[in-house]
Amino acid sequence: MRTPRAVLVALTTAFALLVGGCGAGPAPRAWAANVCTALTPWRTEISTLASRTQQQMTAKTTPAQAKENLVRLLGGAESASETARSKVEKAGVPDVDGGEDVAKGFVRSLTSMRDAYGRARQSIEGLDAGLADPFYDGVESVMSKLTTEYNQSALDTSSLASEELRVAFDEVPECR
């Protein structure tokens, strides 16, 4: 039979673990590793998109084929951005001063990028592929707007207020 003291110690220990676990987020290195792990496939997808878009713009295809390919590429970038956003959100809030603002900034940036790709995809879908010149002028306009929105969405990690996170991003292998 357990003594009241043993039960009290067990309850106190369990409570301390629960409260401690709820109050602190992941350590800076763990958080940075999770974020970089989420962003690596996203960066690869975005790089692939840029390359394929360039190829698509110089390939000898019909406007209808180009439209189909661009819609697929932009949809892939939109999906990859959402996957990265979701994983970064699941990484939680790093256990540093201002960690909540940093985590929100990453999620906000990826959300904006996802939305920019989605708007570009929808804009390309709306273009009439019947005449080549107006279609490609429209594509150029859409891609120019996407570039502007993408650049506005970019998160500048060089201005991180947390020295711990700056060091973590520089040191963890997942971020190299």
Protein backbone atom coordinates (compact mmCIF):
# COMPACT_ATOMS: atom_id res chain seq x y z
CA MET A 1 0.00 0.00 0.00
CA ARG A 2 1.29 3.44 -0.89
CA THR A 3 1.73 5.97 1.85
CA PRO A 4 0.15 9.40 1.52
CA ARG A 5 3.67 10.85 1.33
CA ALA A 6 4.56 8.63 -1.68
CA VAL A 7 1.35 9.64 -3.47
CA LEU A 8 2.04 13.33 -2.76
CA VAL A 9 5.60 13.03 -4.10
CA ALA A 10 4.36 11.25 -7.23
CA LEU A 11 1.66 13.87 -7.84
CA THR A 12 4.06 16.73 -7.21
CA THR A 13 6.61 15.23 -9.61
CA ALA A 14 3.97 14.65 -12.30
CA PHE A 15 2.64 18.18 -11.91
CA ALA A 16 6.13 19.66 -12.14
CA LEU A 17 6.81 17.70 -15.33
CA LEU A 18 3.53 18.81 -16.88
CA VAL A 19 4.00 22.45 -15.99
CA GLY A 20 7.64 22.40 -17.05
CA GLY A 21 6.79 20.75 -20.34
CA CYS A 22 4.13 23.31 -21.16
CA GLY A 23 6.18 26.37 -20.34
CA ALA A 24 9.27 25.89 -22.46
CA GLY A 25 9.56 25.32 -26.17
CA PRO A 26 12.34 23.50 -27.94
CA ALA A 27 15.92 24.57 -27.32
CA PRO A 28 17.35 26.92 -29.99
CA ARG A 29 19.45 24.24 -31.70
CA ALA A 30 16.56 21.76 -31.81
CA TRP A 31 14.18 24.40 -33.15
CA ALA A 32 16.63 25.58 -35.80
CA ALA A 33 17.24 21.98 -36.88
CA ASN A 34 13.49 21.35 -37.19
CA VAL A 35 12.96 24.54 -39.17
CA CYS A 36 15.86 23.85 -41.54
CA THR A 37 14.69 20.26 -42.00
CA ALA A 38 11.28 21.65 -43.01
CA LEU A 39 12.78 24.24 -45.35
CA THR A 40 15.31 22.07 -47.20
CA PRO A 41 12.80 20.21 -49.44
CA TRP A 42 10.90 23.46 -49.91
CA ARG A 43 14.03 25.26 -51.15
CA THR A 44 14.74 22.37 -53.52
CA GLU A 45 11.20 22.57 -54.90
CA ILE A 46 11.42 26.34 -55.36
CA SER A 47 14.78 26.02 -57.10
CA THR A 48 13.31 23.35 -59.37
CA LEU A 49 10.35 25.62 -60.09
CA ALA A 50 12.62 28.47 -61.11
CA SER A 51 14.64 26.21 -63.38
CA ARG A 52 11.61 24.56 -64.97
CA THR A 53 9.87 27.90 -65.43
CA GLN A 54 12.91 29.22 -67.25
CA GLN A 55 12.98 26.10 -69.43
CA GLN A 56 9.26 26.40 -70.04
CA MET A 57 9.57 30.00 -71.15
CA THR A 58 12.24 29.12 -73.71
CA ALA A 59 10.81 25.77 -74.88
CA LYS A 60 8.99 25.46 -78.14
CA THR A 61 5.57 24.54 -76.80
CA THR A 62 2.11 25.77 -77.54
CA PRO A 63 0.64 28.35 -75.18
CA ALA A 64 -1.83 25.70 -73.98
CA GLN A 65 1.03 23.33 -73.08
CA ALA A 66 2.96 26.13 -71.41
CA LYS A 67 -0.14 27.09 -69.43
CA GLU A 68 -0.68 23.52 -68.25
CA ASN A 69 2.98 23.14 -67.24
CA LEU A 70 3.13 26.48 -65.44
CA VAL A 71 -0.08 25.79 -63.53
CA ARG A 72 1.33 22.45 -62.43
CA LEU A 73 4.68 23.99 -61.42
CA LEU A 74 3.08 26.83 -59.47
CA GLY A 75 0.68 24.42 -57.80
CA GLY A 76 3.66 22.31 -56.74
CA ALA A 77 5.37 25.35 -55.26
CA GLU A 78 2.17 26.33 -53.48
CA SER A 79 1.85 22.84 -52.03
CA ALA A 80 5.53 22.68 -51.03
CA SER A 81 5.19 26.07 -49.31
CA GLU A 82 2.18 24.85 -47.35
CA THR A 83 4.03 21.69 -46.31
CA ALA A 84 7.00 23.76 -45.12
CA ARG A 85 4.70 26.23 -43.35
CA SER A 86 2.92 23.42 -41.54
CA LYS A 87 6.19 21.78 -40.44
CA VAL A 88 7.64 25.08 -39.23
CA GLU A 89 4.44 25.75 -37.30
CA LYS A 90 4.69 22.28 -35.72
CA ALA A 91 8.28 23.06 -34.69
CA GLY A 92 6.70 25.24 -32.03
CA VAL A 93 8.17 28.28 -30.35
CA PRO A 94 11.89 28.29 -29.60
CA ASP A 95 12.83 28.72 -25.95
CA VAL A 96 14.50 32.12 -26.36
CA ASP A 97 13.53 35.70 -25.65
CA GLY A 98 11.21 36.79 -28.46
CA GLY A 99 10.79 33.18 -29.60
CA GLU A 100 7.09 33.60 -30.29
CA ASP A 101 7.74 36.55 -32.62
CA VAL A 102 10.45 34.60 -34.45
CA ALA A 103 8.23 31.54 -34.90
CA LYS A 104 5.30 33.68 -36.06
CA GLY A 105 7.60 35.50 -38.50
CA PHE A 106 8.69 32.24 -40.13
CA VAL A 107 5.12 30.99 -40.40
CA ARG A 108 3.87 34.36 -41.69
CA SER A 109 6.62 34.43 -44.34
CA LEU A 110 5.84 30.93 -45.59
CA THR A 111 2.11 31.69 -45.56
CA SER A 112 2.72 34.76 -47.73
CA MET A 113 4.88 32.78 -50.12
CA ARG A 114 2.30 30.00 -50.36
CA ASP A 115 -0.39 32.57 -51.10
CA ALA A 116 1.79 34.30 -53.72
CA TYR A 117 2.26 31.00 -55.56
CA GLY A 118 -1.46 30.33 -55.30
CA ARG A 119 -2.34 33.73 -56.76
CA ALA A 120 0.17 33.21 -59.58
CA ARG A 121 -1.27 29.77 -60.32
CA GLN A 122 -4.80 31.19 -60.43
CA SER A 123 -3.68 34.07 -62.64
CA ILE A 124 -2.02 31.70 -65.12
CA GLU A 125 -5.16 29.53 -65.09
CA GLY A 126 -7.14 32.63 -66.03
CA LEU A 127 -5.00 33.53 -69.03
CA ASP A 128 -6.35 32.84 -72.51
CA ALA A 129 -3.89 30.55 -74.26
CA GLY A 130 -5.54 31.14 -77.63
CA LEU A 131 -3.02 33.70 -78.88
CA ALA A 132 0.66 33.27 -78.09
CA ASP A 133 1.79 36.90 -77.73
CA PRO A 134 -0.93 38.06 -75.32
CA PHE A 135 -0.59 34.81 -73.36
CA TYR A 136 3.17 35.12 -72.92
CA ASP A 137 2.83 38.82 -72.07
CA GLY A 138 0.38 37.76 -69.37
CA VAL A 139 2.75 35.07 -68.11
CA GLU A 140 5.56 37.61 -67.91
CA SER A 141 3.36 39.95 -65.92
CA VAL A 142 2.24 37.19 -63.53
CA MET A 143 5.80 35.99 -62.97
CA SER A 144 7.01 39.54 -62.36
CA LYS A 145 4.30 40.05 -59.76
CA LEU A 146 5.17 36.68 -58.18
CA THR A 147 8.82 37.71 -57.91
CA THR A 148 7.84 40.97 -56.21
CA GLU A 149 5.48 39.24 -53.76
CA TYR A 150 8.02 36.51 -53.07
CA ASN A 151 10.74 39.06 -52.29
CA GLN A 152 8.40 40.98 -50.01
CA SER A 153 7.59 37.77 -48.15
CA ALA A 154 11.18 36.75 -47.54
CA LEU A 155 12.23 36.50 -43.92
CA ASP A 156 15.58 38.13 -43.14
CA THR A 157 17.20 35.83 -40.60
CA SER A 158 20.22 38.12 -40.33
CA SER A 159 18.15 40.40 -38.11
CA LEU A 160 17.19 37.73 -35.57
CA ALA A 161 17.08 39.33 -32.15
CA SER A 162 18.19 36.11 -30.49
CA GLU A 163 21.92 35.47 -30.47
CA GLU A 164 21.14 31.88 -29.44
CA LEU A 165 19.09 31.33 -32.61
CA ARG A 166 21.65 33.04 -34.83
CA VAL A 167 24.32 30.69 -33.49
CA ALA A 168 21.98 27.70 -33.81
CA PHE A 169 21.19 28.45 -37.45
CA ASP A 170 24.91 28.81 -38.16
CA GLU A 171 25.93 25.63 -36.37
CA VAL A 172 23.32 22.89 -36.81
CA PRO A 173 24.10 20.59 -39.75
CA GLU A 174 20.51 20.73 -41.03
CA CYS A 175 20.96 24.44 -41.81
CA ARG A 176 24.17 24.16 -43.80
